N, C-alpha and C. Protein backbone atom coordinates (compact mmCIF):
# COMPACT_ATOMS: atom_id res chain seq x y z
N UNK A 1 -116.77 -99.36 87.25
CA UNK A 1 -115.92 -100.03 88.22
C UNK A 1 -115.07 -99.01 88.96
N UNK A 2 -114.76 -99.32 90.22
CA UNK A 2 -114.03 -98.35 91.03
C UNK A 2 -112.67 -98.05 90.45
N UNK A 3 -111.97 -99.08 89.96
CA UNK A 3 -110.65 -98.86 89.40
C UNK A 3 -110.70 -97.94 88.20
N UNK A 4 -111.69 -98.14 87.33
CA UNK A 4 -111.83 -97.30 86.13
C UNK A 4 -112.13 -95.86 86.51
N UNK A 5 -112.96 -95.69 87.54
CA UNK A 5 -113.31 -94.33 87.96
C UNK A 5 -112.08 -93.60 88.47
N UNK A 6 -111.25 -94.28 89.28
CA UNK A 6 -110.05 -93.66 89.80
C UNK A 6 -109.11 -93.26 88.66
N UNK A 7 -108.99 -94.13 87.67
CA UNK A 7 -108.15 -93.84 86.51
C UNK A 7 -108.65 -92.60 85.80
N UNK A 8 -109.95 -92.52 85.60
CA UNK A 8 -110.53 -91.36 84.95
C UNK A 8 -110.30 -90.09 85.74
N UNK A 9 -110.39 -90.16 87.06
CA UNK A 9 -110.16 -88.99 87.91
C UNK A 9 -108.72 -88.53 87.77
N UNK A 10 -107.79 -89.46 87.72
CA UNK A 10 -106.38 -89.10 87.56
C UNK A 10 -106.13 -88.40 86.23
N UNK A 11 -106.74 -88.91 85.18
CA UNK A 11 -106.60 -88.28 83.87
C UNK A 11 -107.17 -86.86 83.89
N UNK A 12 -108.34 -86.71 84.51
CA UNK A 12 -108.97 -85.39 84.61
C UNK A 12 -108.08 -84.43 85.39
N UNK A 13 -107.48 -84.93 86.47
CA UNK A 13 -106.57 -84.09 87.27
C UNK A 13 -105.37 -83.64 86.44
N UNK A 14 -104.80 -84.55 85.68
CA UNK A 14 -103.65 -84.19 84.85
C UNK A 14 -104.03 -83.12 83.83
N UNK A 15 -105.20 -83.27 83.24
CA UNK A 15 -105.62 -82.29 82.23
C UNK A 15 -105.93 -80.94 82.85
N UNK A 16 -106.56 -80.97 84.02
CA UNK A 16 -106.84 -79.71 84.72
C UNK A 16 -105.54 -79.07 85.18
N UNK A 17 -104.60 -79.88 85.65
CA UNK A 17 -103.31 -79.37 86.08
C UNK A 17 -102.62 -78.61 84.94
N UNK A 18 -102.71 -79.14 83.73
CA UNK A 18 -102.09 -78.47 82.60
C UNK A 18 -102.77 -77.14 82.29
N UNK A 19 -104.08 -77.06 82.51
CA UNK A 19 -104.79 -75.79 82.28
C UNK A 19 -104.30 -74.74 83.28
N UNK A 20 -104.25 -75.09 84.56
CA UNK A 20 -103.76 -74.15 85.57
C UNK A 20 -102.31 -73.77 85.30
N UNK A 21 -101.53 -74.74 84.89
CA UNK A 21 -100.10 -74.54 84.63
C UNK A 21 -99.90 -73.58 83.46
N UNK A 22 -100.67 -73.79 82.40
CA UNK A 22 -100.52 -72.96 81.21
C UNK A 22 -101.18 -71.60 81.36
N UNK A 23 -102.38 -71.57 81.91
CA UNK A 23 -103.17 -70.34 81.92
C UNK A 23 -103.01 -69.54 83.21
N UNK A 24 -102.64 -70.17 84.28
CA UNK A 24 -102.65 -69.51 85.57
C UNK A 24 -104.02 -69.62 86.21
N UNK A 25 -104.08 -69.46 87.51
CA UNK A 25 -105.34 -69.66 88.23
C UNK A 25 -106.45 -68.73 87.73
N UNK A 26 -106.13 -67.45 87.58
CA UNK A 26 -107.16 -66.47 87.23
C UNK A 26 -107.81 -66.76 85.88
N UNK A 27 -107.02 -67.20 84.90
CA UNK A 27 -107.53 -67.41 83.55
C UNK A 27 -108.01 -68.84 83.31
N UNK A 28 -107.85 -69.69 84.30
CA UNK A 28 -108.33 -71.06 84.16
C UNK A 28 -109.80 -71.10 84.55
N UNK A 29 -110.64 -70.73 83.61
CA UNK A 29 -112.07 -70.65 83.90
C UNK A 29 -112.65 -72.05 84.05
N UNK A 30 -113.81 -72.12 84.69
CA UNK A 30 -114.50 -73.40 84.84
C UNK A 30 -114.83 -73.99 83.46
N UNK A 31 -115.16 -73.13 82.51
CA UNK A 31 -115.44 -73.62 81.16
C UNK A 31 -114.20 -74.26 80.54
N UNK A 32 -113.04 -73.62 80.69
CA UNK A 32 -111.80 -74.18 80.15
C UNK A 32 -111.46 -75.49 80.84
N UNK A 33 -111.63 -75.52 82.14
CA UNK A 33 -111.35 -76.73 82.89
C UNK A 33 -112.29 -77.87 82.47
N UNK A 34 -113.56 -77.51 82.27
CA UNK A 34 -114.52 -78.50 81.84
C UNK A 34 -114.20 -79.04 80.45
N UNK A 35 -113.81 -78.15 79.56
CA UNK A 35 -113.46 -78.57 78.20
C UNK A 35 -112.25 -79.50 78.23
N UNK A 36 -111.26 -79.17 79.04
CA UNK A 36 -110.04 -79.97 79.10
C UNK A 36 -110.28 -81.34 79.72
N UNK A 37 -111.11 -81.38 80.74
CA UNK A 37 -111.34 -82.64 81.45
C UNK A 37 -112.47 -83.47 80.86
N UNK A 38 -113.31 -82.83 80.04
CA UNK A 38 -114.46 -83.52 79.49
C UNK A 38 -115.61 -83.61 80.46
N UNK A 39 -115.55 -82.82 81.54
CA UNK A 39 -116.60 -82.84 82.57
C UNK A 39 -117.45 -81.59 82.47
N UNK A 40 -118.74 -81.74 82.64
CA UNK A 40 -119.63 -80.59 82.73
C UNK A 40 -119.44 -79.90 84.06
N UNK A 41 -120.01 -78.71 84.17
CA UNK A 41 -119.85 -77.93 85.40
C UNK A 41 -120.31 -78.73 86.63
N UNK A 42 -121.46 -79.38 86.51
CA UNK A 42 -121.97 -80.13 87.65
C UNK A 42 -121.05 -81.27 88.04
N UNK A 43 -120.54 -82.00 87.04
CA UNK A 43 -119.63 -83.11 87.32
C UNK A 43 -118.31 -82.63 87.88
N UNK A 44 -117.86 -81.48 87.38
CA UNK A 44 -116.60 -80.91 87.86
C UNK A 44 -116.71 -80.57 89.35
N UNK A 45 -117.81 -79.91 89.70
CA UNK A 45 -118.02 -79.55 91.11
C UNK A 45 -118.28 -80.80 91.95
N UNK A 46 -119.05 -81.73 91.39
CA UNK A 46 -119.36 -82.93 92.15
C UNK A 46 -118.14 -83.80 92.42
N UNK A 47 -117.23 -83.84 91.46
CA UNK A 47 -116.05 -84.68 91.60
C UNK A 47 -114.95 -84.02 92.41
N UNK A 48 -114.73 -82.74 92.18
CA UNK A 48 -113.57 -82.07 92.78
C UNK A 48 -113.93 -80.99 93.80
N UNK A 49 -115.19 -80.59 93.86
CA UNK A 49 -115.58 -79.60 94.85
C UNK A 49 -115.46 -78.16 94.42
N UNK A 50 -115.28 -77.91 93.12
CA UNK A 50 -115.18 -76.54 92.64
C UNK A 50 -113.78 -76.20 92.18
N UNK A 51 -113.64 -75.04 91.56
CA UNK A 51 -112.37 -74.63 90.95
C UNK A 51 -111.25 -74.56 91.97
N UNK A 52 -111.49 -73.93 93.11
CA UNK A 52 -110.42 -73.74 94.08
C UNK A 52 -109.94 -75.06 94.67
N UNK A 53 -110.89 -75.93 94.99
CA UNK A 53 -110.53 -77.25 95.51
C UNK A 53 -109.80 -78.06 94.45
N UNK A 54 -110.23 -77.95 93.20
CA UNK A 54 -109.56 -78.63 92.10
C UNK A 54 -108.14 -78.12 91.94
N UNK A 55 -107.96 -76.82 92.07
CA UNK A 55 -106.62 -76.23 91.95
C UNK A 55 -105.68 -76.82 92.99
N UNK A 56 -106.12 -76.93 94.22
CA UNK A 56 -105.25 -77.47 95.27
C UNK A 56 -104.94 -78.95 95.01
N UNK A 57 -105.92 -79.68 94.48
CA UNK A 57 -105.65 -81.08 94.14
C UNK A 57 -104.64 -81.18 92.99
N UNK A 58 -104.69 -80.22 92.08
CA UNK A 58 -103.72 -80.18 90.99
C UNK A 58 -102.33 -79.84 91.51
N UNK A 59 -102.25 -78.93 92.47
CA UNK A 59 -100.97 -78.62 93.10
C UNK A 59 -100.38 -79.87 93.75
N UNK A 60 -101.23 -80.61 94.44
CA UNK A 60 -100.76 -81.83 95.10
C UNK A 60 -100.33 -82.88 94.07
N UNK A 61 -101.07 -82.95 92.98
CA UNK A 61 -100.72 -83.89 91.91
C UNK A 61 -99.36 -83.52 91.32
N UNK A 62 -99.17 -82.24 91.05
CA UNK A 62 -97.90 -81.74 90.51
C UNK A 62 -96.76 -82.05 91.48
N UNK A 63 -97.00 -81.79 92.75
CA UNK A 63 -95.98 -82.02 93.77
C UNK A 63 -95.62 -83.49 93.88
N UNK A 64 -96.60 -84.36 93.78
CA UNK A 64 -96.32 -85.79 93.90
C UNK A 64 -95.50 -86.29 92.71
N UNK A 65 -95.76 -85.76 91.53
CA UNK A 65 -95.02 -86.18 90.33
C UNK A 65 -93.59 -85.68 90.38
N UNK A 66 -93.42 -84.36 90.52
CA UNK A 66 -92.08 -83.79 90.44
C UNK A 66 -91.32 -83.88 91.75
N UNK A 67 -92.05 -83.89 92.86
CA UNK A 67 -91.39 -84.06 94.15
C UNK A 67 -90.67 -85.39 94.22
N UNK A 68 -91.29 -86.43 93.70
CA UNK A 68 -90.65 -87.75 93.70
C UNK A 68 -89.39 -87.74 92.85
N UNK A 69 -89.42 -87.02 91.74
CA UNK A 69 -88.22 -86.95 90.89
C UNK A 69 -87.11 -86.16 91.56
N UNK A 70 -87.48 -85.08 92.24
CA UNK A 70 -86.48 -84.32 93.00
C UNK A 70 -85.81 -85.20 94.05
N UNK A 71 -86.63 -85.93 94.77
CA UNK A 71 -86.10 -86.75 95.86
C UNK A 71 -85.18 -87.85 95.36
N UNK A 72 -85.53 -88.45 94.22
CA UNK A 72 -84.66 -89.48 93.64
C UNK A 72 -83.32 -88.88 93.22
N UNK A 73 -83.37 -87.69 92.62
CA UNK A 73 -82.14 -87.04 92.18
C UNK A 73 -81.25 -86.70 93.37
N UNK A 74 -81.82 -86.17 94.42
CA UNK A 74 -81.04 -85.79 95.60
C UNK A 74 -80.49 -87.02 96.31
N UNK A 75 -81.31 -88.08 96.38
CA UNK A 75 -80.91 -89.29 97.09
C UNK A 75 -79.80 -90.04 96.35
N UNK A 76 -79.64 -89.78 95.07
CA UNK A 76 -78.62 -90.48 94.29
C UNK A 76 -77.20 -90.07 94.69
N UNK A 77 -77.07 -88.95 95.40
CA UNK A 77 -75.75 -88.45 95.80
C UNK A 77 -75.79 -88.03 97.27
N UNK A 78 -76.03 -88.97 98.17
CA UNK A 78 -76.25 -88.61 99.58
C UNK A 78 -75.06 -87.95 100.27
N UNK A 79 -73.84 -88.26 99.82
CA UNK A 79 -72.65 -87.69 100.46
C UNK A 79 -71.93 -86.69 99.58
N UNK A 80 -72.61 -86.27 98.51
CA UNK A 80 -72.02 -85.29 97.59
C UNK A 80 -73.04 -84.18 97.33
N UNK A 81 -73.12 -83.23 98.25
CA UNK A 81 -74.18 -82.21 98.16
C UNK A 81 -74.16 -81.40 96.87
N UNK A 82 -72.97 -81.10 96.35
CA UNK A 82 -72.91 -80.31 95.12
C UNK A 82 -73.47 -81.11 93.95
N UNK A 83 -73.07 -82.38 93.85
CA UNK A 83 -73.61 -83.22 92.78
C UNK A 83 -75.12 -83.43 92.96
N UNK A 84 -75.57 -83.50 94.20
CA UNK A 84 -77.00 -83.66 94.45
C UNK A 84 -77.77 -82.44 93.96
N UNK A 85 -77.24 -81.26 94.25
CA UNK A 85 -77.90 -80.03 93.79
C UNK A 85 -77.89 -79.96 92.27
N UNK A 86 -76.78 -80.38 91.66
CA UNK A 86 -76.71 -80.40 90.20
C UNK A 86 -77.76 -81.33 89.62
N UNK A 87 -77.93 -82.50 90.24
CA UNK A 87 -78.96 -83.45 89.79
C UNK A 87 -80.36 -82.87 89.98
N UNK A 88 -80.55 -82.15 91.07
CA UNK A 88 -81.82 -81.48 91.36
C UNK A 88 -82.16 -80.50 90.23
N UNK A 89 -81.18 -79.70 89.87
CA UNK A 89 -81.40 -78.77 88.76
C UNK A 89 -81.65 -79.53 87.45
N UNK A 90 -81.03 -80.70 87.31
CA UNK A 90 -81.24 -81.50 86.11
C UNK A 90 -82.69 -81.89 85.93
N UNK A 91 -83.37 -82.21 87.04
CA UNK A 91 -84.80 -82.53 86.97
C UNK A 91 -85.58 -81.32 86.47
N UNK A 92 -85.20 -80.15 86.97
CA UNK A 92 -85.89 -78.91 86.54
C UNK A 92 -85.70 -78.69 85.05
N UNK A 93 -84.46 -78.83 84.56
CA UNK A 93 -84.19 -78.63 83.14
C UNK A 93 -84.91 -79.66 82.28
N UNK A 94 -84.97 -80.90 82.75
CA UNK A 94 -85.69 -81.93 81.99
C UNK A 94 -87.17 -81.60 81.89
N UNK A 95 -87.75 -81.09 82.99
CA UNK A 95 -89.17 -80.73 82.96
C UNK A 95 -89.40 -79.58 81.98
N UNK A 96 -88.52 -78.60 82.01
CA UNK A 96 -88.66 -77.45 81.12
C UNK A 96 -88.56 -77.89 79.66
N UNK A 97 -87.69 -78.86 79.39
CA UNK A 97 -87.47 -79.32 78.02
C UNK A 97 -88.53 -80.31 77.54
N UNK A 98 -89.38 -80.78 78.43
CA UNK A 98 -90.39 -81.78 78.08
C UNK A 98 -91.48 -81.14 77.20
N UNK A 99 -91.63 -81.58 75.96
CA UNK A 99 -92.62 -80.97 75.07
C UNK A 99 -94.06 -81.31 75.43
N UNK A 100 -94.24 -82.28 76.33
CA UNK A 100 -95.60 -82.73 76.67
C UNK A 100 -96.22 -81.96 77.83
N UNK A 101 -95.47 -81.02 78.42
CA UNK A 101 -96.01 -80.23 79.52
C UNK A 101 -95.82 -78.74 79.20
N UNK A 102 -96.59 -77.87 79.82
CA UNK A 102 -96.43 -76.43 79.57
C UNK A 102 -95.06 -75.93 80.02
N UNK A 103 -94.69 -74.77 79.53
CA UNK A 103 -93.44 -74.14 79.96
C UNK A 103 -93.53 -73.76 81.44
N UNK A 104 -92.38 -73.62 82.04
CA UNK A 104 -92.33 -73.11 83.41
C UNK A 104 -92.64 -74.15 84.45
N UNK A 105 -93.34 -73.72 85.48
CA UNK A 105 -93.60 -74.56 86.66
C UNK A 105 -94.93 -74.13 87.26
N UNK A 106 -95.76 -75.08 87.62
CA UNK A 106 -97.06 -74.74 88.19
C UNK A 106 -96.91 -73.97 89.49
N UNK A 107 -95.95 -74.35 90.31
CA UNK A 107 -95.75 -73.64 91.58
C UNK A 107 -95.27 -72.22 91.33
N UNK A 108 -94.32 -72.05 90.41
CA UNK A 108 -93.83 -70.70 90.10
C UNK A 108 -94.94 -69.84 89.51
N UNK A 109 -95.72 -70.43 88.61
CA UNK A 109 -96.85 -69.72 88.00
C UNK A 109 -97.83 -69.28 89.09
N UNK A 110 -98.10 -70.15 90.02
CA UNK A 110 -99.06 -69.86 91.08
C UNK A 110 -98.50 -68.84 92.07
N UNK A 111 -97.20 -68.92 92.35
CA UNK A 111 -96.56 -67.95 93.23
C UNK A 111 -96.67 -66.54 92.65
N UNK A 112 -96.43 -66.44 91.34
CA UNK A 112 -96.50 -65.14 90.69
C UNK A 112 -97.91 -64.56 90.71
N UNK A 113 -98.91 -65.42 90.81
CA UNK A 113 -100.30 -64.96 90.81
C UNK A 113 -100.95 -65.10 92.18
N UNK A 114 -100.13 -65.02 93.22
CA UNK A 114 -100.64 -65.21 94.59
C UNK A 114 -101.81 -64.29 94.91
N UNK A 115 -101.78 -63.09 94.36
CA UNK A 115 -102.85 -62.12 94.66
C UNK A 115 -104.21 -62.60 94.18
N UNK A 116 -104.24 -63.51 93.21
CA UNK A 116 -105.52 -63.99 92.67
C UNK A 116 -106.01 -65.25 93.39
N UNK A 117 -105.19 -65.79 94.28
CA UNK A 117 -105.53 -67.05 94.94
C UNK A 117 -106.30 -66.82 96.24
N UNK A 118 -107.04 -67.80 96.63
CA UNK A 118 -107.69 -67.75 97.95
C UNK A 118 -106.62 -67.99 99.02
N UNK A 119 -106.97 -67.69 100.26
CA UNK A 119 -106.02 -67.87 101.36
C UNK A 119 -105.56 -69.32 101.46
N UNK A 120 -106.48 -70.25 101.28
CA UNK A 120 -106.14 -71.67 101.37
C UNK A 120 -105.17 -72.08 100.27
N UNK A 121 -105.38 -71.58 99.08
CA UNK A 121 -104.50 -71.93 97.97
C UNK A 121 -103.15 -71.25 98.11
N UNK A 122 -103.11 -70.02 98.58
CA UNK A 122 -101.82 -69.36 98.83
C UNK A 122 -101.02 -70.15 99.85
N UNK A 123 -101.68 -70.63 100.88
CA UNK A 123 -100.99 -71.40 101.90
C UNK A 123 -100.45 -72.71 101.32
N UNK A 124 -101.21 -73.34 100.41
CA UNK A 124 -100.74 -74.58 99.81
C UNK A 124 -99.49 -74.33 98.96
N UNK A 125 -99.48 -73.22 98.24
CA UNK A 125 -98.31 -72.87 97.43
C UNK A 125 -97.10 -72.64 98.34
N UNK A 126 -97.29 -71.91 99.42
CA UNK A 126 -96.18 -71.67 100.37
C UNK A 126 -95.66 -72.98 100.95
N UNK A 127 -96.58 -73.89 101.22
CA UNK A 127 -96.18 -75.20 101.76
C UNK A 127 -95.31 -75.95 100.76
N UNK A 128 -95.67 -75.92 99.50
CA UNK A 128 -94.90 -76.62 98.48
C UNK A 128 -93.52 -76.00 98.31
N UNK A 129 -93.44 -74.68 98.37
CA UNK A 129 -92.13 -74.02 98.31
C UNK A 129 -91.29 -74.42 99.52
N UNK A 130 -91.93 -74.50 100.67
CA UNK A 130 -91.23 -74.92 101.88
C UNK A 130 -90.72 -76.34 101.78
N UNK A 131 -91.50 -77.22 101.17
CA UNK A 131 -91.06 -78.60 100.98
C UNK A 131 -89.85 -78.67 100.07
N UNK A 132 -89.86 -77.86 99.03
CA UNK A 132 -88.73 -77.83 98.11
C UNK A 132 -87.47 -77.35 98.84
N UNK A 133 -87.63 -76.31 99.62
CA UNK A 133 -86.49 -75.80 100.39
C UNK A 133 -85.98 -76.84 101.38
N UNK A 134 -86.88 -77.57 102.02
CA UNK A 134 -86.49 -78.58 103.00
C UNK A 134 -85.71 -79.71 102.34
N UNK A 135 -86.11 -80.10 101.13
CA UNK A 135 -85.39 -81.15 100.41
C UNK A 135 -83.93 -80.73 100.17
N UNK A 136 -83.77 -79.51 99.70
CA UNK A 136 -82.42 -79.01 99.40
C UNK A 136 -81.62 -78.86 100.68
N UNK A 137 -82.25 -78.33 101.70
CA UNK A 137 -81.57 -78.13 102.98
C UNK A 137 -81.06 -79.44 103.55
N UNK A 138 -81.86 -80.49 103.40
CA UNK A 138 -81.47 -81.79 103.93
C UNK A 138 -80.20 -82.31 103.31
N UNK A 139 -80.06 -82.16 101.99
CA UNK A 139 -78.86 -82.68 101.33
C UNK A 139 -77.66 -81.77 101.58
N UNK A 140 -77.88 -80.47 101.69
CA UNK A 140 -76.77 -79.55 101.94
C UNK A 140 -76.23 -79.71 103.35
N UNK A 141 -77.08 -80.13 104.28
CA UNK A 141 -76.64 -80.31 105.67
C UNK A 141 -75.55 -81.37 105.77
N UNK A 142 -75.52 -82.29 104.80
CA UNK A 142 -74.51 -83.35 104.81
C UNK A 142 -73.11 -82.79 104.57
N UNK A 143 -73.02 -81.55 104.11
CA UNK A 143 -71.70 -80.95 103.86
C UNK A 143 -70.96 -80.61 105.14
N UNK A 144 -71.70 -80.52 106.25
CA UNK A 144 -71.09 -80.11 107.50
C UNK A 144 -71.05 -78.61 107.69
N UNK A 145 -71.56 -77.85 106.71
CA UNK A 145 -71.62 -76.40 106.85
C UNK A 145 -72.58 -76.03 107.97
N UNK A 146 -72.41 -74.84 108.55
CA UNK A 146 -73.28 -74.46 109.65
C UNK A 146 -74.70 -74.18 109.15
N UNK A 147 -75.61 -74.14 110.08
CA UNK A 147 -77.04 -74.04 109.75
C UNK A 147 -77.36 -72.81 108.91
N UNK A 148 -76.73 -71.69 109.21
CA UNK A 148 -77.03 -70.46 108.48
C UNK A 148 -76.64 -70.59 107.02
N UNK A 149 -75.45 -71.16 106.76
CA UNK A 149 -75.01 -71.34 105.38
C UNK A 149 -75.97 -72.28 104.64
N UNK A 150 -76.34 -73.37 105.29
CA UNK A 150 -77.25 -74.34 104.69
C UNK A 150 -78.58 -73.69 104.33
N UNK A 151 -79.14 -72.91 105.25
CA UNK A 151 -80.44 -72.29 104.99
C UNK A 151 -80.35 -71.22 103.91
N UNK A 152 -79.27 -70.44 103.92
CA UNK A 152 -79.12 -69.41 102.89
C UNK A 152 -78.96 -70.03 101.51
N UNK A 153 -78.18 -71.10 101.42
CA UNK A 153 -78.02 -71.78 100.14
C UNK A 153 -79.32 -72.44 99.68
N UNK A 154 -80.08 -72.96 100.62
CA UNK A 154 -81.36 -73.59 100.27
C UNK A 154 -82.31 -72.57 99.65
N UNK A 155 -82.37 -71.40 100.25
CA UNK A 155 -83.20 -70.33 99.70
C UNK A 155 -82.70 -69.94 98.30
N UNK A 156 -81.39 -69.86 98.17
CA UNK A 156 -80.79 -69.50 96.88
C UNK A 156 -81.16 -70.51 95.80
N UNK A 157 -81.03 -71.80 96.10
CA UNK A 157 -81.32 -72.84 95.11
C UNK A 157 -82.79 -72.79 94.70
N UNK A 158 -83.69 -72.65 95.66
CA UNK A 158 -85.12 -72.58 95.34
C UNK A 158 -85.41 -71.33 94.51
N UNK A 159 -84.75 -70.22 94.82
CA UNK A 159 -84.94 -68.99 94.05
C UNK A 159 -84.49 -69.18 92.61
N UNK A 160 -83.38 -69.89 92.40
CA UNK A 160 -82.91 -70.15 91.04
C UNK A 160 -83.90 -71.04 90.29
N UNK A 161 -84.42 -72.05 90.98
CA UNK A 161 -85.42 -72.94 90.36
C UNK A 161 -86.63 -72.14 89.88
N UNK A 162 -87.11 -71.24 90.74
CA UNK A 162 -88.26 -70.43 90.36
C UNK A 162 -87.92 -69.50 89.20
N UNK A 163 -86.70 -68.96 89.21
CA UNK A 163 -86.26 -68.08 88.13
C UNK A 163 -86.17 -68.83 86.80
N UNK A 164 -85.69 -70.05 86.85
CA UNK A 164 -85.61 -70.85 85.62
C UNK A 164 -87.00 -71.03 85.00
N UNK A 165 -87.98 -71.25 85.86
CA UNK A 165 -89.35 -71.43 85.37
C UNK A 165 -89.86 -70.17 84.68
N UNK A 166 -89.59 -69.03 85.29
CA UNK A 166 -90.03 -67.76 84.71
C UNK A 166 -89.31 -67.50 83.39
N UNK A 167 -88.00 -67.71 83.38
CA UNK A 167 -87.22 -67.48 82.17
C UNK A 167 -87.66 -68.39 81.03
N UNK A 168 -87.99 -69.63 81.36
CA UNK A 168 -88.41 -70.56 80.31
C UNK A 168 -89.72 -70.12 79.67
N UNK A 169 -90.61 -69.57 80.48
CA UNK A 169 -91.88 -69.08 79.93
C UNK A 169 -91.66 -67.86 79.04
N UNK A 170 -90.57 -67.15 79.28
CA UNK A 170 -90.26 -65.98 78.47
C UNK A 170 -89.50 -66.35 77.20
N UNK A 171 -89.25 -67.64 77.01
CA UNK A 171 -88.60 -68.09 75.79
C UNK A 171 -87.09 -68.12 75.85
N UNK A 172 -86.52 -68.08 77.03
CA UNK A 172 -85.06 -68.15 77.18
C UNK A 172 -84.56 -69.49 76.65
N UNK A 173 -83.45 -69.46 75.94
CA UNK A 173 -82.93 -70.67 75.31
C UNK A 173 -82.44 -71.68 76.33
N UNK A 174 -82.41 -72.94 75.91
CA UNK A 174 -81.90 -74.01 76.77
C UNK A 174 -80.45 -73.74 77.15
N UNK A 175 -79.67 -73.24 76.21
CA UNK A 175 -78.26 -72.95 76.50
C UNK A 175 -78.12 -71.92 77.61
N UNK A 176 -78.95 -70.89 77.57
CA UNK A 176 -78.88 -69.85 78.61
C UNK A 176 -79.36 -70.39 79.95
N UNK A 177 -80.39 -71.22 79.94
CA UNK A 177 -80.88 -71.81 81.19
C UNK A 177 -79.79 -72.69 81.81
N UNK A 178 -79.11 -73.46 80.99
CA UNK A 178 -78.03 -74.31 81.50
C UNK A 178 -76.86 -73.49 82.01
N UNK A 179 -76.64 -72.33 81.40
CA UNK A 179 -75.60 -71.42 81.90
C UNK A 179 -75.95 -70.92 83.29
N UNK A 180 -77.22 -70.59 83.51
CA UNK A 180 -77.67 -70.17 84.84
C UNK A 180 -77.43 -71.29 85.85
N UNK A 181 -77.75 -72.51 85.47
CA UNK A 181 -77.58 -73.66 86.38
C UNK A 181 -76.10 -73.86 86.70
N UNK A 182 -75.23 -73.78 85.69
CA UNK A 182 -73.79 -73.95 85.96
C UNK A 182 -73.29 -72.91 86.95
N UNK A 183 -73.73 -71.68 86.77
CA UNK A 183 -73.31 -70.62 87.69
C UNK A 183 -73.85 -70.87 89.09
N UNK A 184 -75.08 -71.34 89.18
CA UNK A 184 -75.68 -71.62 90.48
C UNK A 184 -74.95 -72.76 91.19
N UNK A 185 -74.63 -73.82 90.44
CA UNK A 185 -73.92 -74.96 91.04
C UNK A 185 -72.53 -74.53 91.50
N UNK A 186 -71.86 -73.70 90.70
CA UNK A 186 -70.54 -73.19 91.10
C UNK A 186 -70.65 -72.35 92.37
N UNK A 187 -71.70 -71.56 92.47
CA UNK A 187 -71.91 -70.74 93.66
C UNK A 187 -72.11 -71.62 94.89
N UNK A 188 -72.90 -72.67 94.74
CA UNK A 188 -73.11 -73.61 95.86
C UNK A 188 -71.79 -74.26 96.26
N UNK A 189 -71.02 -74.74 95.26
CA UNK A 189 -69.75 -75.41 95.55
C UNK A 189 -68.77 -74.46 96.24
N UNK A 190 -68.66 -73.23 95.74
CA UNK A 190 -67.72 -72.27 96.32
C UNK A 190 -68.12 -71.88 97.74
N UNK A 191 -69.42 -71.71 97.95
CA UNK A 191 -69.91 -71.32 99.28
C UNK A 191 -69.65 -72.44 100.29
N UNK A 192 -69.91 -73.67 99.89
CA UNK A 192 -69.66 -74.79 100.79
C UNK A 192 -68.17 -74.95 101.07
N UNK A 193 -67.35 -74.73 100.05
CA UNK A 193 -65.90 -74.84 100.24
C UNK A 193 -65.41 -73.80 101.23
N UNK A 194 -65.92 -72.59 101.12
CA UNK A 194 -65.52 -71.54 102.07
C UNK A 194 -66.02 -71.87 103.48
N UNK A 195 -67.24 -72.43 103.54
CA UNK A 195 -67.81 -72.77 104.84
C UNK A 195 -67.03 -73.87 105.53
N UNK A 196 -66.41 -74.75 104.73
CA UNK A 196 -65.66 -75.86 105.30
C UNK A 196 -64.23 -75.49 105.64
N UNK A 197 -63.79 -74.31 105.18
CA UNK A 197 -62.43 -73.88 105.48
C UNK A 197 -62.29 -73.56 106.96
N UNK A 198 -61.19 -73.98 107.61
CA UNK A 198 -60.99 -73.70 109.04
C UNK A 198 -61.07 -72.21 109.33
N UNK A 199 -61.92 -71.86 110.27
CA UNK A 199 -62.04 -70.47 110.68
C UNK A 199 -62.85 -69.60 109.76
N UNK A 200 -63.44 -70.20 108.70
CA UNK A 200 -64.16 -69.39 107.71
C UNK A 200 -65.35 -68.68 108.30
N UNK A 201 -66.02 -69.32 109.25
CA UNK A 201 -67.21 -68.71 109.86
C UNK A 201 -67.11 -68.71 111.37
N UNK A 202 -65.90 -68.74 111.90
CA UNK A 202 -65.76 -68.75 113.35
C UNK A 202 -66.13 -70.11 113.90
N UNK A 203 -66.81 -70.19 115.05
CA UNK A 203 -67.18 -71.46 115.65
C UNK A 203 -68.03 -72.30 114.72
N UNK A 204 -67.74 -73.62 114.67
CA UNK A 204 -68.52 -74.52 113.84
C UNK A 204 -69.84 -74.83 114.52
N UNK A 205 -70.68 -75.59 113.82
CA UNK A 205 -72.00 -75.91 114.32
C UNK A 205 -71.95 -76.65 115.65
N UNK A 206 -70.86 -77.47 115.84
CA UNK A 206 -70.77 -78.23 117.08
C UNK A 206 -70.14 -77.43 118.22
N UNK A 207 -69.83 -76.14 117.90
CA UNK A 207 -69.32 -75.26 118.94
C UNK A 207 -67.81 -75.16 118.97
N UNK A 208 -67.09 -76.03 118.24
CA UNK A 208 -65.64 -75.97 118.25
C UNK A 208 -65.16 -74.88 117.31
N UNK A 209 -64.05 -74.27 117.62
CA UNK A 209 -63.51 -73.20 116.81
C UNK A 209 -62.44 -73.74 115.89
N UNK A 210 -62.25 -73.08 114.74
CA UNK A 210 -61.20 -73.45 113.82
C UNK A 210 -59.86 -73.02 114.35
N UNK A 211 -58.77 -73.42 113.66
CA UNK A 211 -57.44 -73.09 114.11
C UNK A 211 -57.18 -71.59 114.23
N UNK A 212 -57.88 -70.81 113.43
CA UNK A 212 -57.64 -69.37 113.48
C UNK A 212 -58.31 -68.70 114.64
N UNK A 213 -59.17 -69.40 115.37
CA UNK A 213 -59.92 -68.77 116.48
C UNK A 213 -59.26 -69.14 117.80
N UNK A 214 -58.07 -68.63 118.01
CA UNK A 214 -57.33 -68.91 119.23
C UNK A 214 -57.42 -67.74 120.22
């Protein structure tokens, strides 16, 4: 039945995603992928189009699962950018602490192994990083800070997220990871506070100058 087939494909994608996540693209052999999914080489290629196409579908699957969680966390605090960023990091920490998934992050793992990816897969990874940055940028823009501050902080937050993934794979303790997050959230809060101070960055985004710019 069509419904059963779709369900089976989703299960296979989840299992393949875990192989890429745990092993990395280069070490995720077709044999390993076949063993994890229960599909023979012919079925694997017939269903997904080969290892590289399967990898991109796994990236999309990963993005749909965790991207939705990021968006819910950010949307929960639409007028409180610092709390939104804190909630965003909370999703990352929850994923890292989840015993049912590999350590780290599939996107971070793939970014670190960009040299082993095809051009199409490298582009997909860059797109996902860009989407993550855009999510953060959108919520930070609500602070009223100028565009440069918003973009710089967005890059910073995404960089911390990627660093958390790498540190978790190296066995860094939960306490230390949470310490990194607290410092990052404080940095975001302090930067936004300075950006909102009159005259802190000269002319505001709307072109008006603060009281000190007379």
